[in-house]
Amino acid sequence: MRSQRISPDPALSFLALTPRPAERSRAVIAVSTLIVGVCGLVLMPSDYLRPGGAILILIFSLTTIPVALGWLTEKRLPHFETAYVIYADIGVVAVMAMFQSAFLSMPSIAVLVLVSLFAAAFTGTRTLVLHVAYSLCVLGVLTVLSLRDGTEVWVTLSRTLALGSMFATPFAIRMYVAFLRRQVDAAQRDPLTGLLTRRGLYNRMSSMSQSAQGSHGPWTMAATVVDVADFADVDQRFGRDSSVEVLVEIAERLVDASPTEALLARLSTSEFLCVHRARSEESGREESRALGAALESTTLRSAPVTLTTGSITEAVDPHADAGSTLHRLMTRAEATMHRRHAARLQGSTADQSIHDRISALIADGGPDIVFQPVCTAGTGDVVGYEALSRFPDGHGSPQTWFIDANTVGLRVELEVCAIDAAITASAPLPDGAFVAVNASADTILSTDLAGSLVDHMVRRQWVVEVTERDRIEDYDGMGVAVDMLRRAGVLISVDDVGSGYSGLRQLVELRPDVVKLDASIVRGIDSDPMRRAAAISVSTFSREIGAICIFEGVETPEELATAREVGADMVQGYLLGRPLPAASALRTTTPPIRR
């Protein structure tokens, strides 16, 4: 089961288990600080200030500007919030001392109340208590001085009690926030197992990221996915009560076997996740292997089940979006789990010879690579090539090889091997000519294609073609993976448009840079009105989204002429060049395509 993209819940995110303010809260505090500074500037012309008081107020008002900017800065000094409380306490009391009488300065206590509200939300209990005690002492001193100056007793006491009672507010808010946090924590946990829900997992990960604001360098994160492969059979054979016991027992064993600081979640009916920081990639892999082994090798008390695990360990940016980080970890761990499960199945039911044959090919460096030229529709100049795999005779077409590899759990490994071989084989091709490689959704989701291609971007543009024949079950995950490829400079192409069952959704969701019309539509386009209409629709759609449209399978001059007429940007087919090894495929090239 593919993981779904986790999105933050506004209410739960606001109550994330960390005292640090969110981005909007920082903006509000910055604006409030500036407003207090403006209040000081407005006060300067007053006749109720002591001599020289206006100058001191001007100085403190100006200091609110860098302090406000400090709130808007992503990376702040350690203990910035506590320092802000101290700064406010000193500044407010200094301004209060500039009034000619203590009674006139008493309303400024309201600013200290405002500071106490901030302290209740974003600092520890000790800081809040010390601030309130300090503020009450200041209020007491002002009361005594007001009475000594001859201010009416009842008016002074009324003002003192009114201002003093306001300091109960931050403690009430703190108790209410604690209650809400308990409610949120309960809402973020699965009621059956007590593990985190997807939402709770996101918020805990967000809290970890926020606590890392001052850290430098990437984190090493390990993620392990656990799934009950035959859960439906358990529910049917043993009943609902037994299936519930299975889930509870798995959750208990996951808690016992996981590292102490791990985040544990129930992702779906029978799927669980463990995410934790590791000291290094090696230690993370070792901990994940130990966790998987402990779960898979333990017999449950409740019912016989088959547990399948998959894990991934990689470096992540602690400042990156928590949802994207979690989604990438889960998706890659799930892909590993599915490959292990497929490999396990092939050991008992699939043809072992298929697995051995494909494994041997991968070990030998993968398939041979040939390159078919891609030309501009207008001039026929070669601007790039598509890398195509050629396999040993006797076992079917290239498509058959990839289908067989998928059956025995080796499709991703075979595709990665073919892409690596294409990178190596493309060396003789002219600089500036783009090269397109094919990859399935599973390969894009579970491997680091960007890392494989980025070192080869200097000489040429690389294009990753996603075939429309393959079902994409996790469009959210593909969106994240495709964005990573684009950030690395790789173009995204939707291949075989018109041949699969994904229809327009794949085009809309992936937002491709290149759209390739399948040869089955291009063949006979010059004489078939239906094919011509379909080609016009695809080329018009491509133009509207700013994508390059390539017509595949052009084999006759008439098809080429019609492709030009209906709006093809580029063409590919036997008329323009057959797939050949790189050394034989060379022709004059023009600069690489760009969006």
Protein backbone atom coordinates (compact mmCIF):
# COMPACT_ATOMS: atom_id res chain seq x y z
CA MET A 1 0.00 0.00 0.00
CA ARG A 2 1.46 3.33 -1.04
CA SER A 3 1.88 6.00 1.60
CA GLN A 4 -0.14 9.16 1.19
CA ARG A 5 1.33 12.61 1.50
CA ILE A 6 1.05 13.90 5.07
CA SER A 7 -0.24 17.44 5.40
CA PRO A 8 -0.16 19.55 8.54
CA ASP A 9 -3.33 20.19 10.49
CA PRO A 10 -3.39 23.93 11.39
CA ALA A 11 -4.74 23.42 14.91
CA LEU A 12 -2.39 20.56 15.73
CA SER A 13 0.60 22.31 14.20
CA PHE A 14 -0.06 25.40 16.36
CA LEU A 15 0.00 23.16 19.42
CA ALA A 16 3.12 21.23 18.34
CA LEU A 17 5.04 19.97 21.36
CA THR A 18 7.71 22.65 21.33
CA PRO A 19 7.82 26.11 22.94
CA ARG A 20 9.27 27.75 19.84
CA PRO A 21 6.85 30.02 17.95
CA ALA A 22 5.69 29.28 14.46
CA GLU A 23 6.45 31.60 11.59
CA ARG A 24 3.23 33.60 11.95
CA SER A 25 3.69 33.87 15.71
CA ARG A 26 7.17 35.32 15.17
CA ALA A 27 5.68 37.92 12.82
CA VAL A 28 3.03 38.88 15.38
CA ILE A 29 5.65 39.27 18.11
CA ALA A 30 7.86 41.36 15.81
CA VAL A 31 4.96 43.66 14.97
CA SER A 32 3.97 43.93 18.65
CA THR A 33 7.55 44.87 19.54
CA LEU A 34 7.56 47.59 16.91
CA ILE A 35 4.21 48.92 18.17
CA VAL A 36 5.60 49.22 21.69
CA GLY A 37 8.51 51.18 20.21
CA VAL A 38 6.08 53.47 18.40
CA CYS A 39 4.21 54.02 21.67
CA GLY A 40 7.47 55.22 23.17
CA LEU A 41 8.04 57.65 20.29
CA VAL A 42 4.51 59.03 20.70
CA LEU A 43 5.21 59.57 24.40
CA MET A 44 8.34 61.68 23.82
CA PRO A 45 6.63 65.11 23.47
CA SER A 46 4.70 64.59 26.74
CA ASP A 47 5.08 67.09 29.57
CA TYR A 48 4.83 64.31 32.16
CA LEU A 49 8.40 63.04 31.61
CA ARG A 50 11.44 63.83 33.68
CA PRO A 51 14.22 65.97 32.14
CA GLY A 52 16.18 63.84 29.68
CA GLY A 53 13.46 61.18 29.67
CA ALA A 54 12.64 61.69 26.01
CA ILE A 55 16.21 60.83 25.01
CA LEU A 56 16.18 57.56 26.98
CA ILE A 57 12.77 56.63 25.56
CA LEU A 58 14.07 57.35 22.05
CA ILE A 59 17.01 55.01 22.61
CA PHE A 60 14.83 52.16 23.87
CA SER A 61 12.27 52.72 21.09
CA LEU A 62 14.98 52.43 18.45
CA THR A 63 16.20 49.15 19.96
CA THR A 64 12.85 47.56 19.10
CA ILE A 65 13.81 47.61 15.41
CA PRO A 66 16.74 45.13 15.55
CA VAL A 67 14.85 43.03 18.10
CA ALA A 68 11.86 42.79 15.75
CA LEU A 69 14.18 41.83 12.89
CA GLY A 70 15.64 39.14 15.14
CA TRP A 71 12.18 37.58 15.45
CA LEU A 72 11.78 37.51 11.70
CA THR A 73 15.13 35.75 11.23
CA GLU A 74 14.93 31.97 10.82
CA LYS A 75 18.13 31.26 12.75
CA ARG A 76 18.33 33.02 16.11
CA LEU A 77 20.73 32.82 19.00
CA PRO A 78 20.17 30.14 21.68
CA HIS A 79 17.77 31.17 24.47
CA PHE A 80 16.56 34.09 22.34
CA GLU A 81 13.07 33.92 23.87
CA THR A 82 14.35 34.20 27.45
CA ALA A 83 16.66 37.05 26.45
CA TYR A 84 13.66 38.81 24.91
CA VAL A 85 11.78 38.67 28.24
CA ILE A 86 14.79 40.16 30.08
CA TYR A 87 15.17 42.86 27.43
CA ALA A 88 11.48 43.78 27.71
CA ASP A 89 11.57 43.86 31.51
CA ILE A 90 14.55 46.19 31.58
CA GLY A 91 13.24 48.44 28.81
CA VAL A 92 9.71 48.82 30.20
CA VAL A 93 10.89 49.59 33.75
CA ALA A 94 13.45 52.09 32.44
CA VAL A 95 10.72 53.92 30.51
CA MET A 96 8.43 53.83 33.56
CA ALA A 97 11.16 55.50 35.60
CA MET A 98 11.08 58.49 33.22
CA PHE A 99 7.61 59.59 34.36
CA GLN A 100 7.37 62.46 36.84
CA SER A 101 5.18 60.40 39.19
CA ALA A 102 4.84 56.74 39.99
CA PHE A 103 1.05 56.88 39.59
CA LEU A 104 1.36 58.07 36.00
CA SER A 105 3.73 55.21 35.15
CA MET A 106 1.52 52.47 36.65
CA PRO A 107 -0.51 51.80 33.42
CA SER A 108 2.75 50.74 31.76
CA ILE A 109 2.48 47.58 33.85
CA ALA A 110 0.08 46.44 31.11
CA VAL A 111 3.11 46.05 28.83
CA LEU A 112 4.67 43.69 31.39
CA VAL A 113 1.40 41.72 31.36
CA LEU A 114 1.75 41.46 27.58
CA VAL A 115 5.28 40.15 28.05
CA SER A 116 3.99 37.59 30.55
CA LEU A 117 1.58 36.26 27.92
CA PHE A 118 4.51 35.78 25.58
CA ALA A 119 6.49 34.06 28.34
CA ALA A 120 3.56 31.71 29.03
CA ALA A 121 3.47 30.59 25.41
CA PHE A 122 7.12 30.42 24.44
CA THR A 123 9.33 30.03 27.53
CA GLY A 124 9.62 27.66 30.45
CA THR A 125 7.74 27.81 33.74
CA ARG A 126 10.75 29.20 35.62
CA THR A 127 11.09 32.16 33.26
CA LEU A 128 7.38 32.91 33.53
CA VAL A 129 7.35 32.78 37.34
CA LEU A 130 10.45 34.98 37.63
CA HIS A 131 9.00 37.52 35.21
CA VAL A 132 5.64 37.69 37.01
CA ALA A 133 7.38 38.00 40.40
CA TYR A 134 9.57 40.80 39.03
CA SER A 135 6.52 42.56 37.56
CA LEU A 136 4.56 42.33 40.83
CA CYS A 137 7.53 43.73 42.73
CA VAL A 138 7.65 46.66 40.30
CA LEU A 139 3.89 47.16 40.78
CA GLY A 140 4.33 47.08 44.55
CA VAL A 141 7.10 49.67 44.42
CA LEU A 142 4.98 51.95 42.24
CA THR A 143 2.07 51.58 44.66
CA VAL A 144 4.20 52.58 47.64
CA LEU A 145 5.70 55.54 45.75
CA SER A 146 2.26 56.69 44.62
CA LEU A 147 0.93 56.64 48.18
CA ARG A 148 4.03 58.49 49.38
CA ASP A 149 3.45 61.16 46.72
CA GLY A 150 -0.01 61.75 48.17
CA THR A 151 -2.15 60.02 45.56
CA GLU A 152 -5.59 59.05 46.90
CA VAL A 153 -5.38 55.66 48.62
CA TRP A 154 -8.51 54.13 47.09
CA VAL A 155 -7.64 55.12 43.54
CA THR A 156 -4.10 53.76 43.96
CA LEU A 157 -5.28 50.46 45.46
CA SER A 158 -7.95 50.05 42.76
CA ARG A 159 -5.38 50.50 40.01
CA THR A 160 -2.94 48.15 41.77
CA LEU A 161 -5.51 45.36 42.16
CA ALA A 162 -6.73 45.74 38.58
CA LEU A 163 -3.23 45.56 37.15
CA GLY A 164 -2.09 42.82 39.52
CA SER A 165 -5.07 40.58 38.73
CA MET A 166 -4.09 40.62 35.06
CA PHE A 167 -1.02 38.51 35.88
CA ALA A 168 -3.33 35.54 36.55
CA THR A 169 -4.03 35.42 32.80
CA PRO A 170 -0.72 33.84 31.66
CA PHE A 171 -1.09 31.02 34.21
CA ALA A 172 -4.66 30.37 33.08
CA ILE A 173 -3.50 30.32 29.46
CA ARG A 174 -0.66 27.95 30.34
CA MET A 175 -3.04 25.54 32.06
CA TYR A 176 -5.45 25.67 29.12
CA VAL A 177 -2.65 25.08 26.62
CA ALA A 178 -1.51 22.08 28.69
CA PHE A 179 -5.07 20.73 28.52
CA LEU A 180 -5.19 21.28 24.75
CA ARG A 181 -1.83 19.56 24.34
CA ARG A 182 -3.17 16.52 26.17
CA GLN A 183 -6.19 16.56 23.90
CA VAL A 184 -3.99 16.95 20.84
CA ASP A 185 -1.71 14.13 21.95
CA ALA A 186 -4.73 11.86 22.31
CA ALA A 187 -5.99 12.92 18.88
CA GLN A 188 -2.59 12.20 17.37
CA ARG A 189 -2.55 8.61 18.61
CA ASP A 190 -4.22 5.52 17.23
CA PRO A 191 -6.83 4.46 19.83
CA LEU A 192 -6.20 0.75 19.23
CA THR A 193 -2.39 0.56 19.45
CA GLY A 194 -1.46 3.83 21.16
CA LEU A 195 1.02 4.59 18.37
CA LEU A 196 1.09 7.90 16.52
CA THR A 197 -1.26 8.54 13.64
CA ARG A 198 0.00 10.05 10.37
CA ARG A 199 -0.92 13.50 11.65
CA GLY A 200 0.81 12.91 14.95
CA LEU A 201 3.88 11.63 13.14
CA TYR A 202 4.02 14.80 11.05
CA ASN A 203 3.70 17.07 14.08
CA ARG A 204 6.37 15.21 16.05
CA MET A 205 8.69 15.39 13.06
CA SER A 206 7.92 19.11 12.75
CA SER A 207 8.83 19.56 16.40
CA MET A 208 12.14 17.77 15.84
CA SER A 209 12.86 20.01 12.86
CA GLN A 210 12.04 23.17 14.79
CA SER A 211 14.30 22.11 17.64
CA ALA A 212 17.14 21.78 15.09
CA GLN A 213 17.06 25.42 14.02
CA GLY A 214 20.55 26.00 15.35
CA SER A 215 22.03 22.75 14.08
CA HIS A 216 24.41 22.49 11.15
CA GLY A 217 24.71 19.72 8.59
CA PRO A 218 22.26 16.94 7.68
CA TRP A 219 20.72 14.38 10.00
CA THR A 220 20.97 10.66 9.42
CA MET A 221 17.46 9.23 9.60
CA ALA A 222 16.42 5.58 9.48
CA ALA A 223 12.90 4.46 8.60
CA THR A 224 11.49 0.93 8.84
CA VAL A 225 8.07 -0.04 7.47
CA VAL A 226 6.30 -3.15 8.82
CA ASP A 227 3.30 -4.71 7.10
CA VAL A 228 1.14 -7.77 7.78
CA ALA A 229 1.19 -9.31 4.30
CA ASP A 230 -1.72 -11.69 4.94
CA PHE A 231 -3.84 -9.56 7.29
CA ALA A 232 -7.01 -10.06 5.23
CA ASP A 233 -6.61 -13.83 5.58
CA VAL A 234 -6.14 -13.50 9.34
CA ASP A 235 -9.32 -11.47 9.65
CA GLN A 236 -11.26 -13.98 7.57
CA ARG A 237 -9.90 -17.18 9.18
CA PHE A 238 -9.66 -16.20 12.84
CA GLY A 239 -12.19 -13.39 13.20
CA ARG A 240 -12.16 -9.75 14.14
CA ASP A 241 -11.02 -10.24 17.71
CA SER A 242 -7.92 -12.15 16.65
CA SER A 243 -7.01 -9.58 13.97
CA VAL A 244 -7.27 -6.80 16.58
CA GLU A 245 -4.99 -8.77 18.92
CA VAL A 246 -2.51 -9.18 16.08
CA LEU A 247 -2.28 -5.41 15.57
CA VAL A 248 -1.93 -4.72 19.29
CA GLU A 249 0.77 -7.35 19.68
CA ILE A 250 2.74 -6.05 16.69
CA ALA A 251 2.57 -2.55 18.15
CA GLU A 252 3.87 -3.82 21.50
CA ARG A 253 6.75 -5.67 19.88
CA LEU A 254 7.57 -2.63 17.74
CA VAL A 255 7.80 -0.49 20.87
CA ASP A 256 10.05 -3.06 22.60
CA ALA A 257 12.41 -3.54 19.63
CA SER A 258 12.72 0.10 18.49
CA PRO A 259 15.31 2.64 19.68
CA THR A 260 14.21 4.69 22.68
CA GLU A 261 13.75 8.01 20.84
CA ALA A 262 12.06 6.52 17.77
CA LEU A 263 8.78 7.86 16.39
CA LEU A 264 6.35 4.95 15.99
CA ALA A 265 3.17 5.22 13.95
CA ARG A 266 0.37 3.13 12.53
CA LEU A 267 0.11 4.21 8.90
CA SER A 268 -2.88 2.13 7.80
CA THR A 269 -4.87 -0.92 8.86
CA SER A 270 -1.89 -3.28 8.96
CA GLU A 271 1.11 -1.06 8.22
CA PHE A 272 3.46 0.44 10.83
CA LEU A 273 6.44 2.79 10.71
CA CYS A 274 9.48 3.41 12.88
CA VAL A 275 11.53 6.58 12.25
CA HIS A 276 14.57 7.57 14.30
CA ARG A 277 17.82 9.48 14.13
CA ALA A 278 21.00 7.47 13.84
CA ARG A 279 24.61 8.30 14.62
CA SER A 280 25.69 7.31 11.13
CA GLU A 281 24.33 5.58 8.05
CA GLU A 282 26.03 2.34 9.04
CA SER A 283 24.56 2.36 12.54
CA GLY A 284 21.14 3.30 11.13
CA ARG A 285 21.21 0.36 8.71
CA GLU A 286 22.32 -1.98 11.49
CA GLU A 287 19.54 -0.81 13.81
CA SER A 288 16.96 -1.18 11.03
CA ARG A 289 18.18 -4.68 10.18
CA ALA A 290 17.99 -5.67 13.83
CA LEU A 291 14.47 -4.26 14.13
CA GLY A 292 13.30 -6.05 10.99
CA ALA A 293 14.86 -9.33 12.07
CA ALA A 294 13.30 -9.09 15.53
CA LEU A 295 9.83 -8.55 14.10
CA GLU A 296 9.98 -11.07 11.26
CA SER A 297 11.47 -13.87 13.35
CA THR A 298 9.07 -13.60 16.31
CA THR A 299 5.93 -15.77 16.39
CA LEU A 300 2.88 -13.89 17.60
CA ARG A 301 0.68 -15.29 20.34
CA SER A 302 -2.58 -14.26 18.70
CA ALA A 303 -2.43 -15.77 15.19
CA PRO A 304 0.08 -16.94 12.57
CA VAL A 305 0.97 -14.01 10.31
CA THR A 306 3.63 -13.09 7.79
CA LEU A 307 5.40 -9.84 8.63
CA THR A 308 7.32 -8.06 5.87
CA THR A 309 9.69 -5.20 6.62
CA GLY A 310 11.60 -2.68 4.55
CA SER A 311 14.02 0.00 5.68
CA ILE A 312 15.97 2.97 4.38
CA THR A 313 18.74 5.04 5.95
CA GLU A 314 19.76 8.37 4.45
CA ALA A 315 20.93 11.89 5.22
CA VAL A 316 18.12 14.48 5.44
CA ASP A 317 18.04 18.23 5.84
CA PRO A 318 16.60 18.93 9.33
CA HIS A 319 15.31 22.30 8.10
CA ALA A 320 13.38 20.83 5.14
CA ASP A 321 9.61 20.42 5.14
CA ALA A 322 8.74 17.63 7.58
CA GLY A 323 6.00 16.25 5.33
CA SER A 324 8.31 15.92 2.34
CA THR A 325 11.04 14.30 4.45
CA LEU A 326 8.67 11.81 6.02
CA HIS A 327 7.03 11.00 2.71
CA ARG A 328 10.36 10.32 1.02
CA LEU A 329 11.52 8.07 3.89
CA MET A 330 8.25 6.14 3.96
CA THR A 331 8.05 5.74 0.20
CA ARG A 332 11.58 4.40 -0.13
CA ALA A 333 11.19 2.09 2.86
CA GLU A 334 7.93 0.77 1.38
CA ALA A 335 9.60 0.20 -1.99
CA THR A 336 12.29 -1.85 -0.26
CA MET A 337 9.60 -3.81 1.57
CA HIS A 338 7.70 -4.58 -1.64
CA ARG A 339 10.88 -5.74 -3.38
CA ARG A 340 11.74 -8.04 -0.46
CA HIS A 341 8.22 -9.42 -0.44
CA ALA A 342 8.32 -10.04 -4.20
CA ALA A 343 11.68 -11.73 -3.86
CA ARG A 344 10.28 -13.90 -1.08
CA LEU A 345 7.36 -14.92 -3.27
CA GLN A 346 9.58 -15.77 -6.20
CA GLY A 347 11.56 -18.16 -4.03
CA SER A 348 8.49 -20.34 -3.63
CA THR A 349 6.24 -19.74 -6.66
CA ALA A 350 8.08 -18.01 -9.49
CA ASP A 351 10.52 -19.50 -11.89
CA GLN A 352 13.92 -19.45 -10.18
CA SER A 353 15.61 -19.43 -13.57
CA ILE A 354 14.13 -16.00 -14.36
CA HIS A 355 15.58 -14.58 -11.17
CA ASP A 356 18.95 -16.18 -11.83
CA ARG A 357 19.00 -14.99 -15.45
CA ILE A 358 18.22 -11.37 -14.59
CA SER A 359 20.55 -11.38 -11.59
CA ALA A 360 23.37 -12.63 -13.81
CA LEU A 361 22.68 -9.91 -16.39
CA ILE A 362 22.76 -7.23 -13.68
CA ALA A 363 26.01 -8.63 -12.30
CA ASP A 364 27.53 -8.48 -15.81
CA GLY A 365 26.74 -4.77 -16.15
CA GLY A 366 23.22 -4.88 -17.51
CA PRO A 367 21.84 -4.69 -21.05
CA ASP A 368 23.56 -3.22 -24.09
CA ILE A 369 22.53 0.35 -24.85
CA VAL A 370 21.64 1.83 -28.22
CA PHE A 371 20.64 5.41 -28.99
CA GLN A 372 17.88 6.57 -31.31
CA PRO A 373 18.15 10.20 -32.48
CA VAL A 374 15.49 12.80 -31.71
CA CYS A 375 15.24 15.58 -34.32
CA THR A 376 13.59 18.96 -34.62
CA ALA A 377 10.38 18.69 -36.64
CA GLY A 378 11.19 21.74 -38.73
CA THR A 379 14.81 21.21 -39.81
CA GLY A 380 15.51 17.59 -38.96
CA ASP A 381 18.58 18.50 -36.91
CA VAL A 382 19.46 15.97 -34.22
CA VAL A 383 19.10 17.56 -30.77
CA GLY A 384 19.16 14.48 -28.58
CA TYR A 385 18.88 10.74 -28.22
CA GLU A 386 16.75 8.20 -26.41
CA ALA A 387 18.70 5.45 -24.67
CA LEU A 388 17.16 2.02 -25.35
CA SER A 389 18.06 -1.34 -23.79
CA ARG A 390 18.96 -4.42 -25.83
CA PHE A 391 18.97 -7.83 -24.13
CA PRO A 392 20.36 -11.25 -25.02
CA ASP A 393 18.32 -13.20 -27.57
CA GLY A 394 15.98 -16.00 -26.65
CA HIS A 395 13.95 -14.45 -23.83
CA GLY A 396 11.61 -12.03 -25.54
CA SER A 397 11.55 -8.28 -26.13
CA PRO A 398 13.03 -5.64 -23.81
CA GLN A 399 9.54 -5.09 -22.42
CA THR A 400 9.35 -8.82 -21.60
CA TRP A 401 12.63 -8.59 -19.68
CA PHE A 402 11.33 -5.76 -17.55
CA ILE A 403 8.03 -7.58 -16.94
CA ASP A 404 9.94 -10.69 -15.86
CA ALA A 405 12.15 -8.56 -13.63
CA ASN A 406 9.08 -7.06 -12.00
CA THR A 407 7.67 -10.54 -11.38
CA VAL A 408 10.75 -11.64 -9.41
CA GLY A 409 11.27 -8.33 -7.60
CA LEU A 410 14.22 -7.09 -9.66
CA ARG A 411 12.70 -4.44 -11.89
CA VAL A 412 14.12 -1.48 -9.99
CA GLU A 413 17.58 -3.05 -9.91
CA LEU A 414 17.41 -3.80 -13.66
CA GLU A 415 16.24 -0.29 -14.54
CA VAL A 416 18.96 1.32 -12.41
CA CYS A 417 21.53 -0.94 -14.05
CA ALA A 418 20.24 0.07 -17.51
CA ILE A 419 20.39 3.78 -16.61
CA ASP A 420 23.96 3.42 -15.31
CA ALA A 421 24.88 1.62 -18.53
CA ALA A 422 23.27 4.42 -20.58
CA ILE A 423 25.29 7.05 -18.71
CA THR A 424 28.50 5.20 -19.49
CA ALA A 425 27.57 4.43 -23.11
CA SER A 426 26.59 8.04 -23.85
CA ALA A 427 30.17 9.29 -23.54
CA PRO A 428 30.86 9.35 -27.34
CA LEU A 429 27.71 11.38 -28.05
CA PRO A 430 28.26 15.07 -28.83
CA ASP A 431 28.27 17.57 -26.00
CA GLY A 432 24.99 19.45 -25.84
CA ALA A 433 22.82 16.63 -27.15
CA PHE A 434 20.25 15.61 -24.54
CA VAL A 435 19.84 11.96 -23.56
CA ALA A 436 16.54 10.47 -22.39
CA VAL A 437 16.41 7.40 -20.14
CA ASN A 438 13.34 5.38 -19.16
CA ALA A 439 12.31 4.77 -15.55
CA SER A 440 9.21 3.34 -13.91
CA ALA A 441 7.41 5.04 -11.04
CA ASP A 442 8.88 2.53 -8.55
CA THR A 443 12.42 3.37 -9.65
CA ILE A 444 11.80 7.12 -9.43
CA LEU A 445 10.24 6.76 -5.99
CA SER A 446 12.75 4.41 -4.41
CA THR A 447 16.13 5.43 -5.85
CA ASP A 448 18.26 8.55 -6.06
CA LEU A 449 18.18 9.13 -9.82
CA ALA A 450 19.06 12.79 -9.31
CA GLY A 451 22.28 11.76 -7.56
CA SER A 452 23.16 9.41 -10.44
CA LEU A 453 22.62 12.03 -13.14
CA VAL A 454 23.77 15.27 -11.52
CA ASP A 455 27.49 14.61 -12.10
CA HIS A 456 26.81 14.23 -15.83
CA MET A 457 24.79 17.44 -16.30
CA VAL A 458 27.81 19.48 -17.39
CA ARG A 459 28.05 17.89 -20.83
CA ARG A 460 24.38 17.42 -21.60
CA GLN A 461 20.76 17.72 -20.52
CA TRP A 462 19.24 14.52 -19.10
CA VAL A 463 15.59 13.59 -19.46
CA VAL A 464 13.80 10.94 -17.39
CA GLU A 465 10.90 9.36 -19.29
CA VAL A 466 8.00 7.98 -17.25
CA THR A 467 6.00 5.52 -19.31
CA GLU A 468 2.22 5.93 -19.40
CA ARG A 469 1.77 2.15 -19.56
CA ASP A 470 2.67 1.80 -15.86
CA ARG A 471 0.11 2.57 -13.18
CA ILE A 472 1.14 5.28 -10.73
CA GLU A 473 -0.55 4.55 -7.41
CA ASP A 474 1.10 7.31 -5.39
CA TYR A 475 0.85 10.59 -7.26
CA ASP A 476 1.75 12.61 -4.16
CA GLY A 477 4.97 10.65 -3.80
CA MET A 478 5.73 11.00 -7.48
CA GLY A 479 5.23 14.74 -7.17
CA VAL A 480 7.88 14.94 -4.44
CA ALA A 481 10.30 12.68 -6.35
CA VAL A 482 9.80 14.56 -9.62
CA ASP A 483 10.42 17.89 -7.86
CA MET A 484 13.74 16.53 -6.57
CA LEU A 485 14.74 15.57 -10.11
CA ARG A 486 13.78 18.99 -11.44
CA ARG A 487 15.79 20.76 -8.74
CA ALA A 488 18.78 18.74 -9.91
CA GLY A 489 18.24 20.03 -13.46
CA VAL A 490 16.65 16.86 -14.92
CA LEU A 491 13.71 17.25 -17.32
CA ILE A 492 10.63 15.03 -16.89
CA SER A 493 8.99 13.36 -19.87
CA VAL A 494 5.74 11.39 -20.04
CA ASP A 495 6.38 8.63 -22.56
CA ASP A 496 3.96 6.60 -24.70
CA VAL A 497 1.07 9.08 -24.35
CA GLY A 498 -1.98 7.44 -25.88
CA SER A 499 -0.94 3.85 -25.19
CA GLY A 500 -1.69 3.46 -21.47
CA TYR A 501 -4.65 3.73 -19.16
CA SER A 502 -3.55 6.69 -17.05
CA GLY A 503 -4.99 9.23 -19.47
CA LEU A 504 -4.78 12.91 -18.74
CA ARG A 505 -4.24 12.48 -15.00
CA GLN A 506 -0.63 11.46 -15.44
CA LEU A 507 0.01 14.52 -17.58
CA VAL A 508 -1.76 16.83 -15.14
CA GLU A 509 -0.17 15.41 -11.99
CA LEU A 510 3.43 15.15 -13.26
CA ARG A 511 3.43 18.49 -15.15
CA PRO A 512 5.99 17.16 -17.64
CA ASP A 513 8.62 19.17 -19.46
CA VAL A 514 8.34 16.81 -22.44
CA VAL A 515 5.29 14.94 -23.81
CA LYS A 516 5.90 12.01 -26.19
CA LEU A 517 3.04 10.87 -28.40
CA ASP A 518 3.09 7.10 -28.79
CA ALA A 519 3.94 5.54 -32.15
CA SER A 520 0.55 3.77 -32.23
CA ILE A 521 -1.08 7.20 -32.66
CA VAL A 522 1.56 8.61 -35.02
CA ARG A 523 1.48 5.63 -37.38
CA GLY A 524 -0.91 6.52 -40.21
CA ILE A 525 -1.51 10.04 -38.91
CA ASP A 526 -1.40 11.39 -42.47
CA SER A 527 -4.42 9.33 -43.58
CA ASP A 528 -6.47 8.78 -40.42
CA PRO A 529 -8.58 11.77 -39.22
CA MET A 530 -9.00 10.24 -35.75
CA ARG A 531 -5.23 9.91 -35.23
CA ARG A 532 -4.70 13.40 -36.59
CA ALA A 533 -7.30 14.82 -34.16
CA ALA A 534 -5.66 13.00 -31.24
CA ALA A 535 -2.23 14.32 -32.24
CA ILE A 536 -3.56 17.89 -32.47
CA SER A 537 -5.05 17.56 -28.98
CA VAL A 538 -1.76 16.35 -27.48
CA SER A 539 0.36 18.97 -29.23
CA THR A 540 -2.07 21.74 -28.21
CA PHE A 541 -2.07 20.52 -24.61
CA SER A 542 1.74 20.45 -24.60
CA ARG A 543 1.93 23.98 -25.93
CA GLU A 544 -0.54 25.22 -23.29
CA ILE A 545 1.53 23.81 -20.40
CA GLY A 546 4.84 24.91 -21.90
CA ALA A 547 6.06 21.37 -22.64
CA ILE A 548 7.94 20.10 -25.68
CA CYS A 549 5.91 17.66 -27.81
CA ILE A 550 7.74 14.75 -29.46
CA PHE A 551 6.09 12.42 -31.98
CA GLU A 552 7.46 8.86 -31.83
CA GLY A 553 7.38 6.26 -34.59
CA VAL A 554 7.68 8.57 -37.62
CA GLU A 555 8.45 6.19 -40.50
CA THR A 556 7.29 7.92 -43.69
CA PRO A 557 7.75 11.37 -45.24
CA GLU A 558 3.96 11.82 -45.15
CA GLU A 559 3.86 11.18 -41.39
CA LEU A 560 6.72 13.63 -40.89
CA ALA A 561 4.93 16.31 -42.92
CA THR A 562 1.74 15.83 -40.94
CA ALA A 563 3.64 15.92 -37.63
CA ARG A 564 5.04 19.31 -38.62
CA GLU A 565 1.61 20.50 -39.67
CA VAL A 566 -0.20 19.55 -36.44
CA GLY A 567 2.41 21.11 -34.13
CA ALA A 568 5.08 18.58 -33.21
CA ASP A 569 8.23 20.21 -31.82
CA MET A 570 10.44 17.16 -32.32
CA VAL A 571 10.16 13.80 -34.03
CA GLN A 572 11.66 10.36 -33.59
CA GLY A 573 11.44 7.23 -35.71
CA TYR A 574 13.05 4.96 -38.29
CA LEU A 575 12.70 7.62 -40.99
CA LEU A 576 15.08 9.84 -39.03
CA GLY A 577 17.38 7.25 -37.52
CA ARG A 578 17.39 3.73 -36.13
CA PRO A 579 18.63 2.82 -32.64
CA LEU A 580 22.40 2.29 -32.89
CA PRO A 581 25.41 2.17 -30.54
CA ALA A 582 26.67 5.64 -29.62
CA ALA A 583 29.61 5.59 -32.01
CA SER A 584 27.31 4.83 -34.97
CA ALA A 585 24.50 7.17 -33.94
CA LEU A 586 26.49 10.42 -34.24
CA ARG A 587 25.06 13.21 -36.34
CA THR A 588 25.25 17.01 -36.21
CA THR A 589 23.55 18.37 -33.09
CA THR A 590 22.19 21.71 -31.93
CA PRO A 591 22.02 23.07 -28.35
CA PRO A 592 20.04 21.07 -25.75
CA ILE A 593 16.34 21.55 -25.15
CA ARG A 594 15.21 23.82 -22.36
CA ARG A 595 11.79 24.67 -20.98
